[in-house]
Amino acid sequence: MVRVKIEELSQAKQIHGGLVQLCAASLGVRLARVPIPTRRLRRHVFSRIYGDKYPALCEADLEKPLHDYRSINELFTRGIRADRRPMPEGSNQLICPCDCTVQDSGTLERSLVLNAKGISYSLASLLATDQVQSFSGGQYAVLFLSPSDCHRVFCPTESELVEITHVPGRRLLVHPPYQRKEYPVFTLNERVVMQLRSPRGSIALVMIAGWGVGNITYRFAYGPRKRSYRLSRYVCEPSERFQRGDWLATFELGSTVILAIEPTVCDSLGLVPGKTLRYGESLAPLRSSSSKPVSTNTLTSKGKS
């Protein structure tokens, strides 16, 4: 664990250009929730972040004028105007759950291995459960959210939320250039796993924290207790139904979303690494609900903790 912590600090120093810049960035994270007193000062601060350090925001996407966001965190966790992210017509499309860039996509092998950037991950390790056999032959997608993206995550299809798992872990950089085989970031980092059950099969939606992520917040009032050193699960009894496009959760700073999809839900996603996607865009047509029987393995474990 000491070696991983050293690597975590080394990566953070590299991406910020040195120790002084890293300290400044760390201070910025700590001050992100502090209200900025005037509209003029807010616009000045935001323009130093977006348009200087990171690409400029599209202000037409914002739910309110840029200067009305009272803090960096409020802007970072902003919503998007509904007319800027229209849903596909009809209900037979699996949609992208977030604004993102595709890092990797493919078919889950029979050994239930997900490969990203040449790094192999056991699906059981990623999802923190051994009940993963129903995903064999299904699809996966690794979706990277840049600092300029909207960091809200939405439901990809009409589903019931069955279980939420919080897995404690590190804060290694999730940026693709920094991922290394020696440090499998997706299973080392803190993450939240949401298990969704749709009429066609199950989808696991994994939110992976990156450097500087102070929190992953839920849109709903319930969820597992977030412990520093102990995995915790929350079984939703009764399960709650969400419609396609409903807001589920929010990242606060850097992040990655991984989807693991049972083969009964859809065919190949056909996503190309490097492709930019927006929340609400179609990922793939859903299978006909009668084309294959839906798995009854919902990946749940009884009880709450």
Protein backbone atom coordinates (compact mmCIF):
# COMPACT_ATOMS: atom_id res chain seq x y z
CA MET A 1 0.00 0.00 0.00
CA VAL A 2 2.92 2.36 0.67
CA ARG A 3 4.15 1.76 -2.89
CA VAL A 4 0.71 2.60 -4.29
CA LYS A 5 0.55 5.79 -2.20
CA ILE A 6 3.95 6.88 -3.53
CA GLU A 7 2.78 6.21 -7.09
CA GLU A 8 -0.41 8.18 -6.42
CA LEU A 9 1.60 11.23 -5.33
CA SER A 10 4.08 10.82 -8.20
CA GLN A 11 1.29 10.77 -10.80
CA ALA A 12 -0.40 13.80 -9.28
CA LYS A 13 2.87 15.72 -9.32
CA GLN A 14 3.48 14.80 -12.97
CA ILE A 15 0.06 15.89 -14.23
CA HIS A 16 0.29 19.23 -12.43
CA GLY A 17 3.85 19.96 -13.54
CA GLY A 18 5.68 19.77 -10.24
CA LEU A 19 5.35 19.87 -6.47
CA VAL A 20 4.45 23.58 -6.22
CA GLN A 21 1.69 23.25 -8.81
CA LEU A 22 0.43 20.08 -7.11
CA CYS A 23 0.18 21.91 -3.77
CA ALA A 24 -1.72 24.74 -5.48
CA ALA A 25 -4.10 22.25 -7.11
CA SER A 26 -4.64 20.46 -3.77
CA LEU A 27 -5.47 23.78 -2.14
CA GLY A 28 -7.91 24.50 -4.97
CA VAL A 29 -9.69 21.20 -4.31
CA ARG A 30 -10.04 22.08 -0.63
CA LEU A 31 -11.41 25.54 -1.48
CA ALA A 32 -13.73 24.31 -4.25
CA ARG A 33 -16.88 24.64 -2.10
CA VAL A 34 -16.04 28.11 -0.77
CA PRO A 35 -18.47 30.69 -2.25
CA ILE A 36 -16.90 33.27 -4.58
CA PRO A 37 -18.43 36.60 -3.51
CA THR A 38 -18.99 38.53 -6.77
CA ARG A 39 -20.10 37.68 -10.28
CA ARG A 40 -17.08 39.43 -11.78
CA LEU A 41 -14.66 37.46 -9.59
CA ARG A 42 -16.48 34.19 -10.37
CA ARG A 43 -16.13 34.74 -14.11
CA HIS A 44 -12.44 35.59 -13.66
CA VAL A 45 -11.77 32.45 -11.57
CA PHE A 46 -13.76 30.20 -13.90
CA SER A 47 -11.97 31.56 -16.97
CA ARG A 48 -8.60 30.71 -15.37
CA ILE A 49 -9.76 27.11 -14.97
CA TYR A 50 -11.81 26.66 -18.15
CA GLY A 51 -10.16 28.24 -21.15
CA ASP A 52 -6.71 28.28 -19.59
CA LYS A 53 -5.96 25.07 -17.68
CA TYR A 54 -8.81 23.09 -19.31
CA PRO A 55 -10.86 23.63 -22.51
CA ALA A 56 -13.49 26.37 -22.30
CA LEU A 57 -17.04 25.42 -21.38
CA CYS A 58 -19.91 25.73 -23.81
CA GLU A 59 -22.00 28.30 -21.96
CA ALA A 60 -25.06 27.46 -24.07
CA ASP A 61 -25.14 24.06 -22.30
CA LEU A 62 -25.35 25.56 -18.80
CA GLU A 63 -28.61 25.60 -16.85
CA LYS A 64 -27.90 29.18 -15.74
CA PRO A 65 -25.42 31.97 -16.58
CA LEU A 66 -21.80 31.16 -15.79
CA HIS A 67 -21.44 33.94 -13.20
CA ASP A 68 -24.43 32.61 -11.22
CA TYR A 69 -22.51 29.50 -10.11
CA ARG A 70 -21.37 30.44 -6.61
CA SER A 71 -18.35 28.12 -6.30
CA ILE A 72 -15.99 25.95 -8.35
CA ASN A 73 -17.72 22.82 -7.05
CA GLU A 74 -21.17 24.13 -7.99
CA LEU A 75 -19.96 24.76 -11.54
CA PHE A 76 -18.16 21.42 -11.74
CA THR A 77 -21.28 19.49 -10.67
CA ARG A 78 -23.56 21.55 -12.93
CA GLY A 79 -26.48 20.21 -14.87
CA ILE A 80 -27.11 20.57 -18.60
CA ARG A 81 -30.13 22.17 -20.25
CA ALA A 82 -32.50 19.41 -21.38
CA ASP A 83 -32.75 20.78 -24.93
CA ARG A 84 -28.96 20.45 -25.30
CA ARG A 85 -29.03 16.68 -24.64
CA PRO A 86 -32.11 15.32 -26.45
CA MET A 87 -32.97 11.65 -25.94
CA PRO A 88 -33.28 9.30 -28.96
CA GLU A 89 -36.85 8.86 -30.14
CA GLY A 90 -38.54 5.70 -28.90
CA SER A 91 -37.48 3.63 -25.92
CA ASN A 92 -35.46 0.93 -27.72
CA GLN A 93 -32.05 2.61 -27.37
CA LEU A 94 -29.42 2.21 -24.66
CA ILE A 95 -28.09 5.72 -24.03
CA CYS A 96 -24.74 7.05 -22.91
CA PRO A 97 -24.96 7.81 -19.16
CA CYS A 98 -22.58 10.81 -19.19
CA ASP A 99 -20.58 13.30 -21.22
CA CYS A 100 -17.31 11.48 -21.92
CA THR A 101 -14.62 10.18 -24.24
CA VAL A 102 -14.58 6.45 -25.00
CA GLN A 103 -11.43 4.86 -23.59
CA ASP A 104 -12.21 1.23 -24.42
CA SER A 105 -15.13 -0.98 -25.39
CA GLY A 106 -15.59 -4.65 -26.23
CA THR A 107 -17.03 -8.03 -25.35
CA LEU A 108 -16.61 -9.59 -21.92
CA GLU A 109 -14.69 -12.83 -22.33
CA ARG A 110 -15.84 -16.13 -20.87
CA SER A 111 -13.20 -15.73 -18.20
CA LEU A 112 -15.01 -12.47 -17.41
CA VAL A 113 -12.04 -10.27 -18.14
CA LEU A 114 -12.31 -6.63 -19.14
CA ASN A 115 -9.31 -5.20 -21.02
CA ALA A 116 -8.54 -1.48 -20.99
CA LYS A 117 -5.30 0.12 -22.19
CA GLY A 118 -3.75 -3.36 -22.33
CA ILE A 119 -4.58 -3.96 -18.65
CA SER A 120 -6.77 -6.96 -17.79
CA TYR A 121 -9.33 -6.66 -15.02
CA SER A 122 -11.38 -9.41 -13.43
CA LEU A 123 -15.03 -8.39 -13.52
CA ALA A 124 -15.52 -9.98 -10.09
CA SER A 125 -12.76 -7.78 -8.68
CA LEU A 126 -14.11 -4.67 -10.37
CA LEU A 127 -17.70 -5.22 -9.19
CA ALA A 128 -16.67 -6.63 -5.77
CA THR A 129 -18.87 -9.72 -6.17
CA ASP A 130 -18.38 -13.24 -7.52
CA GLN A 131 -21.89 -13.33 -9.05
CA VAL A 132 -20.84 -12.25 -12.54
CA GLN A 133 -21.41 -15.33 -14.74
CA SER A 134 -24.48 -13.82 -16.39
CA PHE A 135 -22.27 -11.12 -17.97
CA SER A 136 -20.26 -13.63 -20.03
CA GLY A 137 -20.46 -12.63 -23.69
CA GLY A 138 -21.92 -9.23 -22.81
CA GLN A 139 -20.56 -5.78 -23.56
CA TYR A 140 -18.45 -3.30 -21.63
CA ALA A 141 -17.52 0.33 -22.11
CA VAL A 142 -14.93 2.46 -20.31
CA LEU A 143 -15.96 6.13 -20.42
CA PHE A 144 -13.53 8.87 -19.31
CA LEU A 145 -14.92 12.19 -18.06
CA SER A 146 -12.55 15.11 -18.62
CA PRO A 147 -12.54 18.09 -16.24
CA SER A 148 -14.59 20.08 -18.78
CA ASP A 149 -17.39 17.49 -18.99
CA CYS A 150 -20.63 17.59 -17.04
CA HIS A 151 -19.99 15.23 -14.12
CA ARG A 152 -23.52 14.01 -13.52
CA VAL A 153 -24.28 10.36 -14.33
CA PHE A 154 -27.65 9.23 -15.65
CA CYS A 155 -29.62 6.00 -16.06
CA PRO A 156 -28.83 4.36 -19.46
CA THR A 157 -32.22 2.64 -19.81
CA GLU A 158 -35.43 2.07 -17.87
CA SER A 159 -34.25 0.07 -14.86
CA GLU A 160 -34.69 -0.83 -11.23
CA LEU A 161 -31.84 0.07 -8.91
CA VAL A 162 -31.20 -3.19 -7.06
CA GLU A 163 -28.02 -2.67 -5.07
CA ILE A 164 -25.29 -0.08 -4.42
CA THR A 165 -21.78 -1.03 -3.29
CA HIS A 166 -19.13 1.37 -2.04
CA VAL A 167 -15.57 0.02 -2.41
CA PRO A 168 -12.90 2.04 -0.57
CA GLY A 169 -9.57 2.53 -2.31
CA ARG A 170 -6.86 4.83 -3.62
CA ARG A 171 -7.05 8.02 -5.75
CA LEU A 172 -4.69 7.18 -8.60
CA LEU A 173 -5.12 9.22 -11.78
CA VAL A 174 -7.76 7.79 -14.11
CA HIS A 175 -6.45 9.80 -17.09
CA PRO A 176 -5.60 7.17 -19.78
CA PRO A 177 -1.94 8.27 -20.32
CA TYR A 178 -1.18 7.57 -16.66
CA GLN A 179 -2.66 4.07 -16.45
CA ARG A 180 -0.03 1.34 -15.92
CA LYS A 181 -0.19 -2.45 -15.63
CA GLU A 182 1.65 -2.32 -12.30
CA TYR A 183 -1.17 -0.20 -10.86
CA PRO A 184 -4.58 -1.42 -12.14
CA VAL A 185 -6.39 1.81 -11.36
CA PHE A 186 -9.97 0.55 -11.81
CA THR A 187 -9.64 -2.04 -9.04
CA LEU A 188 -7.26 -0.06 -6.82
CA ASN A 189 -9.31 3.16 -6.73
CA GLU A 190 -12.35 4.00 -4.64
CA ARG A 191 -15.55 3.30 -6.55
CA VAL A 192 -19.32 2.97 -6.35
CA VAL A 193 -21.06 0.07 -8.13
CA MET A 194 -24.74 0.46 -9.03
CA GLN A 195 -26.54 -2.69 -10.10
CA LEU A 196 -29.43 -1.94 -12.44
CA ARG A 197 -32.03 -4.49 -13.55
CA SER A 198 -33.75 -3.64 -16.81
CA PRO A 199 -36.57 -5.61 -18.50
CA ARG A 200 -33.89 -7.16 -20.79
CA GLY A 201 -31.18 -7.93 -18.23
CA SER A 202 -28.73 -6.44 -15.77
CA ILE A 203 -26.31 -3.54 -16.15
CA ALA A 204 -23.54 -2.74 -13.69
CA LEU A 205 -22.66 0.95 -13.67
CA VAL A 206 -19.32 1.62 -11.94
CA MET A 207 -18.27 5.14 -10.93
CA ILE A 208 -14.51 5.25 -10.30
CA ALA A 209 -12.99 8.09 -8.31
CA GLY A 210 -9.82 9.73 -9.58
CA TRP A 211 -7.32 12.17 -8.11
CA GLY A 212 -9.01 15.01 -6.25
CA VAL A 213 -12.45 13.37 -6.10
CA GLY A 214 -13.71 14.38 -2.67
CA ASN A 215 -17.06 12.67 -2.99
CA ILE A 216 -19.48 10.72 -5.15
CA THR A 217 -22.96 11.94 -4.28
CA TYR A 218 -26.27 10.20 -5.00
CA ARG A 219 -29.37 11.90 -6.36
CA PHE A 220 -31.47 9.86 -3.90
CA ALA A 221 -31.44 9.90 -0.09
CA TYR A 222 -30.32 6.31 0.55
CA GLY A 223 -27.10 4.37 -0.10
CA PRO A 224 -24.26 2.51 1.61
CA ARG A 225 -22.19 4.06 4.36
CA LYS A 226 -18.88 5.21 2.91
CA ARG A 227 -16.18 3.70 5.09
CA SER A 228 -12.45 4.29 4.59
CA TYR A 229 -11.29 0.68 4.94
CA ARG A 230 -14.36 -1.53 4.62
CA LEU A 231 -16.58 -2.42 1.67
CA SER A 232 -20.26 -1.62 2.27
CA ARG A 233 -23.40 -2.65 0.41
CA TYR A 234 -26.93 -1.34 0.35
CA VAL A 235 -29.68 -3.57 -1.03
CA CYS A 236 -32.60 -1.48 -2.28
CA GLU A 237 -35.68 -3.14 -0.79
CA PRO A 238 -37.96 -2.46 -2.47
CA SER A 239 -35.94 -1.61 -5.57
CA GLU A 240 -36.54 1.84 -7.06
CA ARG A 241 -37.45 2.29 -10.71
CA PHE A 242 -35.67 4.91 -12.81
CA GLN A 243 -36.54 6.03 -16.30
CA ARG A 244 -34.00 6.37 -19.09
CA GLY A 245 -32.09 9.60 -18.56
CA ASP A 246 -32.90 10.01 -14.86
CA TRP A 247 -30.07 11.55 -12.83
CA LEU A 248 -28.44 8.93 -10.58
CA ALA A 249 -25.26 10.39 -9.08
CA THR A 250 -22.52 13.01 -9.41
CA PHE A 251 -18.72 13.04 -9.36
CA GLU A 252 -16.93 15.88 -7.64
CA LEU A 253 -13.75 16.23 -9.75
CA GLY A 254 -12.01 13.65 -12.02
CA SER A 255 -13.67 10.37 -12.86
CA THR A 256 -14.41 7.35 -15.09
CA VAL A 257 -17.61 5.35 -15.67
CA ILE A 258 -17.53 1.66 -16.62
CA LEU A 259 -20.60 -0.15 -17.94
CA ALA A 260 -20.82 -3.97 -17.81
CA ILE A 261 -23.88 -5.19 -19.72
CA GLU A 262 -25.46 -8.64 -19.90
CA PRO A 263 -25.73 -10.11 -23.44
CA THR A 264 -29.54 -10.10 -23.22
CA VAL A 265 -29.60 -6.29 -23.13
CA CYS A 266 -27.98 -5.31 -26.43
CA ASP A 267 -25.63 -6.42 -29.19
CA SER A 268 -22.16 -4.96 -29.80
CA LEU A 269 -21.74 -1.34 -28.76
CA GLY A 270 -19.28 -0.75 -31.61
CA LEU A 271 -17.64 2.18 -29.85
CA VAL A 272 -14.31 3.51 -31.11
CA PRO A 273 -11.68 4.58 -28.54
CA GLY A 274 -11.24 8.34 -28.62
CA LYS A 275 -14.83 9.01 -29.70
CA THR A 276 -16.51 11.86 -27.84
CA LEU A 277 -20.01 11.11 -26.57
CA ARG A 278 -22.66 13.21 -24.88
CA TYR A 279 -25.17 12.17 -22.28
CA GLY A 280 -28.32 10.96 -24.04
CA GLU A 281 -26.65 9.75 -27.24
CA SER A 282 -27.50 6.21 -28.32
CA LEU A 283 -24.92 3.51 -27.51
CA ALA A 284 -26.79 0.59 -29.11
CA PRO A 285 -30.31 -0.64 -29.90
CA LEU A 286 -31.82 -2.71 -27.11
CA ARG A 287 -32.64 -6.32 -27.90
CA SER A 288 -36.25 -7.29 -28.26
CA SER A 289 -37.43 -8.34 -24.81
CA SER A 290 -38.57 -11.65 -26.31
CA SER A 291 -35.37 -12.40 -28.25
CA LYS A 292 -33.57 -14.03 -25.34
CA PRO A 293 -34.64 -14.89 -21.80
CA VAL A 294 -33.58 -12.31 -19.23
CA SER A 295 -31.17 -13.59 -16.59
CA THR A 296 -32.55 -13.79 -13.08
CA ASN A 297 -29.07 -13.28 -11.60
CA THR A 298 -29.31 -9.72 -10.30
CA LEU A 299 -25.96 -9.81 -8.53
CA THR A 300 -27.51 -8.94 -5.21
CA SER A 301 -26.59 -10.06 -1.74
CA LYS A 302 -29.12 -9.96 1.04
CA GLY A 303 -29.10 -7.42 3.83
CA LYS A 304 -27.77 -3.94 4.40
CA SER A 305 -24.62 -2.66 5.99
